[in-house]
Protein backbone atom coordinates (compact mmCIF):
# COMPACT_ATOMS: atom_id res chain seq x y z
CA MET A 1 1.65 -11.97 4.92
CA PRO A 2 1.78 -15.40 6.76
CA SER A 3 4.91 -17.63 6.49
CA GLN A 4 4.43 -20.69 4.25
CA ASP A 5 4.89 -23.09 7.07
CA SER A 6 2.17 -20.84 9.47
CA ALA A 7 -1.06 -22.40 10.23
CA THR A 8 -3.90 -21.13 8.16
CA ARG A 9 -7.07 -19.11 9.97
CA THR A 10 -10.30 -20.75 10.27
CA ALA A 11 -13.87 -19.51 10.51
CA SER A 12 -13.84 -20.48 13.94
CA GLY A 13 -11.08 -18.62 15.20
CA ARG A 14 -9.87 -20.86 17.32
CA PRO A 15 -6.36 -20.37 19.42
CA GLY A 16 -3.45 -21.29 17.70
CA HIS A 17 -4.32 -19.98 14.23
CA ALA A 18 -2.97 -17.12 12.32
CA GLN A 19 -5.20 -13.90 12.48
CA SER A 20 -5.96 -11.83 9.44
CA PRO A 21 -4.28 -9.77 7.94
CA GLN A 22 -4.11 -6.08 9.69
CA ALA A 23 -3.21 -2.66 8.28
CA THR A 24 0.07 -1.13 9.08
CA GLU A 25 1.29 2.31 8.02
CA GLU A 26 3.71 0.46 5.28
CA ARG A 27 0.80 -1.87 4.14
CA PRO A 28 -2.85 0.11 4.52
CA LEU A 29 -5.93 -2.09 3.61
CA ILE A 30 -7.20 -2.16 0.42
CA VAL A 31 -10.22 -4.01 1.05
CA GLU A 32 -12.07 -4.86 4.26
CA THR A 33 -15.38 -6.54 4.81
CA ARG A 34 -16.87 -6.54 8.23
CA SER A 35 -20.14 -8.71 8.68
CA LEU A 36 -20.94 -8.67 5.11
CA THR A 37 -23.92 -10.72 4.31
CA LYS A 38 -25.95 -11.26 1.55
CA SER A 39 -29.50 -13.43 1.73
CA PHE A 40 -31.52 -14.95 -1.01
CA GLY A 41 -34.98 -15.71 0.73
CA ALA A 42 -33.77 -18.22 3.37
CA LEU A 43 -30.43 -18.91 1.83
CA ARG A 44 -27.49 -16.83 3.09
CA ALA A 45 -24.99 -17.06 0.03
CA VAL A 46 -22.78 -14.83 2.04
CA ASP A 47 -22.85 -15.25 5.86
CA ALA A 48 -21.33 -12.22 8.02
CA VAL A 49 -17.79 -12.46 6.10
CA ASP A 50 -14.99 -10.37 7.57
CA PHE A 51 -12.35 -10.15 5.06
CA SER A 52 -9.29 -7.82 4.65
CA LEU A 53 -6.82 -7.21 1.88
CA PRO A 54 -3.54 -5.46 2.55
CA GLN A 55 -2.26 -3.21 -0.20
CA GLY A 56 0.63 -5.12 -2.51
CA GLU A 57 -1.05 -8.31 -1.90
CA LEU A 58 -2.22 -11.38 -4.66
CA ARG A 59 -4.85 -13.12 -2.89
CA ALA A 60 -6.90 -16.00 -4.52
CA ILE A 61 -10.41 -16.82 -3.48
CA ILE A 62 -11.65 -20.38 -3.83
CA GLY A 63 -14.23 -22.91 -2.70
CA PRO A 64 -16.80 -25.52 -4.29
CA ASN A 65 -19.61 -24.31 -6.52
CA GLY A 66 -21.92 -22.54 -4.18
CA ALA A 67 -19.47 -21.78 -1.47
CA GLY A 68 -20.54 -17.70 -2.27
CA LYS A 69 -17.05 -16.79 -3.61
CA SER A 70 -18.71 -15.17 -6.95
CA THR A 71 -21.76 -13.69 -4.80
CA PHE A 72 -19.01 -11.91 -2.25
CA PHE A 73 -17.02 -11.05 -5.39
CA ALA A 74 -20.27 -9.29 -6.94
CA MET A 75 -20.83 -7.33 -3.77
CA LEU A 76 -17.06 -6.15 -4.05
CA MET A 77 -17.90 -4.53 -7.74
CA GLY A 78 -21.45 -3.09 -6.38
CA ARG A 79 -23.14 -5.45 -8.41
CA ILE A 80 -25.04 -6.86 -5.69
CA ALA A 81 -26.14 -4.92 -2.58
CA PRO A 82 -25.50 -6.78 0.78
CA SER A 83 -28.26 -7.79 2.78
CA ALA A 84 -26.03 -6.70 5.77
CA GLY A 85 -22.74 -5.74 6.82
CA GLU A 86 -20.28 -3.19 5.13
CA ILE A 87 -17.61 -2.48 2.67
CA HIS A 88 -14.54 -0.48 2.80
CA ILE A 89 -12.56 -0.11 -0.51
CA LEU A 90 -9.45 2.14 -0.08
CA GLY A 91 -10.73 3.36 3.59
CA ILE A 92 -14.17 4.50 1.97
CA ASP A 93 -17.26 2.75 2.71
CA THR A 94 -18.70 1.67 -0.79
CA THR A 95 -21.41 -0.83 0.89
CA ARG A 96 -24.00 1.20 -1.63
CA ARG A 97 -21.95 2.37 -4.08
CA THR A 98 -22.84 1.71 -7.76
CA PRO A 99 -20.31 -0.08 -9.88
CA HIS A 100 -19.55 3.28 -11.70
CA ARG A 101 -18.50 4.90 -8.51
CA ILE A 102 -16.62 2.23 -7.06
CA SER A 103 -14.77 1.99 -10.23
CA ARG A 104 -13.85 5.68 -9.98
CA LEU A 105 -11.90 4.99 -6.54
CA GLY A 106 -9.48 2.73 -8.66
CA VAL A 107 -10.83 -0.71 -8.77
CA SER A 108 -11.28 -2.49 -12.36
CA LEU A 109 -12.93 -6.25 -12.96
CA ALA A 110 -11.87 -8.39 -15.65
CA PHE A 111 -14.48 -10.80 -16.45
CA GLN A 112 -14.57 -14.37 -16.74
CA ILE A 113 -16.82 -13.98 -20.34
CA THR A 114 -14.59 -11.24 -21.93
CA ASN A 115 -16.45 -7.47 -22.45
CA ILE A 116 -14.31 -6.58 -25.57
CA PHE A 117 -15.40 -5.19 -28.81
CA PRO A 118 -14.64 -7.80 -31.29
CA ASN A 119 -15.14 -5.11 -34.42
CA LEU A 120 -12.50 -2.78 -33.00
CA THR A 121 -8.82 -3.40 -32.97
CA VAL A 122 -6.79 -4.04 -29.87
CA SER A 123 -5.59 -0.78 -29.57
CA GLU A 124 -8.86 0.89 -30.33
CA ASN A 125 -10.25 -1.53 -27.49
CA VAL A 126 -7.64 -0.46 -25.14
CA ARG A 127 -7.71 3.63 -26.12
CA LEU A 128 -11.66 3.28 -25.09
CA ALA A 129 -10.91 1.94 -21.82
CA ALA A 130 -8.08 4.33 -21.07
CA GLN A 131 -10.76 7.10 -21.79
CA THR A 132 -13.55 6.08 -19.50
CA ARG A 133 -11.15 7.07 -16.56
CA ALA A 134 -11.52 10.35 -17.81
CA MET A 135 -14.14 12.63 -15.66
CA SER A 136 -15.91 13.68 -19.13
CA PHE A 137 -15.74 12.78 -22.71
CA ASN A 138 -14.58 15.19 -25.11
CA PRO A 139 -13.17 14.02 -28.83
CA LEU A 140 -11.45 17.24 -29.32
CA ARG A 141 -8.69 16.27 -26.64
CA GLU A 142 -5.61 18.60 -26.42
CA ALA A 143 -2.61 16.86 -28.13
CA THR A 144 -0.99 16.32 -24.71
CA HIS A 145 -4.04 14.16 -23.42
CA ARG A 146 -4.07 12.05 -26.98
CA LYS A 147 -0.39 11.60 -26.51
CA ASP A 148 -0.88 10.36 -22.82
CA VAL A 149 -3.38 7.81 -24.08
CA GLU A 150 -1.63 6.43 -27.17
CA ALA A 151 1.59 6.06 -24.12
CA LEU A 152 -1.04 4.34 -22.20
CA VAL A 153 -2.18 1.91 -25.03
CA GLU A 154 1.44 0.83 -26.12
CA SER A 155 2.35 0.37 -22.43
CA VAL A 156 -0.84 -1.79 -21.57
CA THR A 157 -0.78 -3.98 -24.56
CA ALA A 158 2.99 -4.42 -24.16
CA ASP A 159 2.29 -5.51 -20.56
CA VAL A 160 -0.34 -8.21 -21.59
CA GLY A 161 1.64 -9.86 -24.73
CA LEU A 162 -0.34 -8.15 -27.55
CA ALA A 163 1.95 -5.46 -28.89
CA SER A 164 2.52 -6.94 -32.25
CA LYS A 165 -1.44 -7.44 -32.56
CA ARG A 166 -2.62 -3.58 -32.00
CA GLY A 167 -3.98 -3.19 -35.45
CA GLU A 168 -5.56 -6.60 -35.18
CA LEU A 169 -9.50 -6.76 -34.75
CA ALA A 170 -10.45 -8.16 -31.22
CA ALA A 171 -12.59 -10.86 -33.07
CA ASN A 172 -9.71 -12.39 -34.98
CA LEU A 173 -7.50 -12.86 -31.47
CA SER A 174 -7.68 -16.47 -30.14
CA HIS A 175 -9.43 -17.23 -27.03
CA GLY A 176 -6.60 -16.63 -24.83
CA GLU A 177 -5.66 -13.48 -26.57
CA GLN A 178 -8.90 -12.26 -26.11
CA LYS A 179 -8.66 -13.01 -22.22
CA TYR A 180 -5.67 -11.25 -22.17
CA LEU A 181 -7.11 -8.08 -23.96
CA GLU A 182 -10.03 -7.90 -21.17
CA ILE A 183 -7.13 -7.72 -18.75
CA GLY A 184 -5.41 -5.21 -20.80
CA LEU A 185 -9.05 -3.32 -20.55
CA ALA A 186 -9.14 -3.16 -16.59
CA LEU A 187 -5.20 -2.21 -16.66
CA ALA A 188 -6.22 0.74 -19.15
CA THR A 189 -8.12 2.25 -16.44
CA ARG A 190 -4.89 2.83 -14.12
CA PRO A 191 -6.51 0.73 -11.25
CA ARG A 192 -5.02 0.21 -7.79
CA LEU A 193 -7.07 -2.83 -7.11
CA LEU A 194 -7.17 -5.59 -9.89
CA LEU A 195 -10.64 -8.33 -9.58
CA LEU A 196 -9.84 -11.14 -11.86
CA ASP A 197 -13.06 -13.44 -12.29
CA GLU A 198 -11.88 -16.76 -13.26
CA PRO A 199 -9.21 -15.54 -15.87
CA THR A 200 -8.09 -18.72 -17.11
CA ALA A 201 -11.07 -20.47 -17.68
CA GLY A 202 -11.51 -22.19 -21.36
CA MET A 203 -7.64 -21.74 -21.80
CA SER A 204 -4.80 -24.43 -23.09
CA ALA A 205 -2.16 -25.52 -20.80
CA GLN A 206 0.06 -23.03 -22.30
CA GLU A 207 -1.98 -20.22 -22.14
CA THR A 208 -2.83 -20.76 -18.45
CA ARG A 209 0.76 -20.91 -17.65
CA ASP A 210 1.14 -17.98 -19.71
CA THR A 211 -1.72 -15.99 -17.88
CA ALA A 212 -0.72 -17.04 -14.51
CA ALA A 213 2.83 -15.59 -15.08
CA LEU A 214 1.09 -12.37 -16.36
CA ILE A 215 -1.08 -11.98 -13.08
CA LYS A 216 2.25 -12.82 -10.87
CA ARG A 217 3.95 -9.54 -12.80
CA LEU A 218 0.97 -7.31 -12.41
CA SER A 219 0.62 -8.28 -8.69
CA ALA A 220 4.09 -6.52 -8.63
CA SER A 221 2.52 -3.14 -8.95
CA LEU A 222 -0.99 -3.66 -8.17
CA SER A 223 -3.27 -5.25 -5.34
CA VAL A 224 -5.19 -8.03 -6.93
CA ILE A 225 -7.98 -10.41 -5.90
CA LEU A 226 -8.34 -13.64 -8.24
CA VAL A 227 -11.21 -15.97 -8.43
CA GLU A 228 -9.77 -19.04 -9.76
CA HIS A 229 -10.48 -22.85 -10.10
CA ASP A 230 -7.28 -23.99 -11.47
CA MET A 231 -5.44 -24.85 -8.37
CA ASP A 232 -2.21 -25.15 -9.76
CA VAL A 233 -2.39 -21.46 -10.78
CA VAL A 234 -3.80 -20.75 -7.21
CA MET A 235 -0.94 -22.85 -5.48
CA SER A 236 1.98 -21.15 -7.91
CA ILE A 237 1.12 -17.38 -7.77
CA ALA A 238 -1.32 -16.25 -4.71
CA ASP A 239 0.42 -14.71 -1.78
CA VAL A 240 -2.45 -15.93 0.48
CA VAL A 241 -5.29 -18.11 -0.24
CA THR A 242 -9.15 -17.45 0.97
CA VAL A 243 -11.43 -20.69 1.26
CA PHE A 244 -15.31 -20.14 0.84
CA HIS A 245 -17.45 -22.96 2.01
CA ASP A 246 -21.34 -22.64 2.84
CA GLY A 247 -20.78 -18.42 2.94
CA ARG A 248 -18.41 -18.18 5.10
CA ILE A 249 -14.53 -18.09 5.16
CA LEU A 250 -13.60 -21.49 6.11
CA ALA A 251 -9.82 -21.01 6.05
CA GLU A 252 -7.18 -18.13 5.11
CA GLY A 253 -3.33 -18.82 5.06
CA ALA A 254 -0.63 -19.29 2.48
CA PRO A 255 -0.64 -21.72 -0.21
CA ASN A 256 1.24 -24.53 1.47
CA ALA A 257 -1.02 -24.12 4.65
CA ILE A 258 -3.96 -24.05 2.68
CA ARG A 259 -3.05 -27.58 0.66
CA ALA A 260 -1.92 -29.27 4.13
CA ASN A 261 -5.07 -27.92 6.06
CA PRO A 262 -7.43 -30.94 6.65
CA ASP A 263 -10.84 -28.95 6.39
CA VAL A 264 -10.06 -27.69 3.46
CA GLN A 265 -9.04 -30.83 1.92
CA ASN A 266 -12.45 -32.40 3.20
CA VAL A 267 -14.64 -29.79 1.48
CA TYR A 268 -12.48 -29.00 -1.51
CA LEU A 269 -9.00 -30.08 -2.56
CA ARG A 270 -9.59 -33.55 -2.13
CA GLY A 271 -9.36 -34.96 -5.54
CA ALA A 272 -8.88 -31.86 -7.38
């Protein structure tokens, strides 16, 4: 990880700028893209992006509207097929894999708009998510498996601060609590990589602070990629920040270096 006072890497790759993170024996790459491109007609939403995420890193992706970060995120999860380039997750070429097959590798996504089941309880929601990781569904599971699932439900609900709400219908949770449950559903699949899409959108100031603290705690045992508009959240918890602009990576580095980068200030942070 770059030091707090290191220069950021820019898309130009000019001498004197820090280079992209490289894999090591201690920190293999969890995600790597090579010349990843997505075109919609004449528009290149993502333009030949080389991106890498070492194991154990909390990476924030930021950029103005239309910068390409959402399209890039969607390609990582297999929801949009690239026009060109490659995606490797956990050392496996996932460029043409479906979201289901990518999830099986240990990748989970928490959406900006929650995908919870409002008429089920918190525990029932998490239990269903945990069961999706099984190779097949069998309602008559052995007792040992049921105990493992229930232990996971208890652990996950405690991790996201919903232990006291396990018996509550998801529909009755506050907006912030529903977002925590969405993160809990992602955690219930026991991922190695957690993708978070605008997790603090629509939250109160206190909920935002609590969510930022939660994400930071989770990053102690997971690799995390976070797309987020709230700069206070990004700058307070990210190990490294990647800035998208016009479909390319404009800059990449530690939060303080990104904040001080004049190119980033010109296109994004000024006035934010």
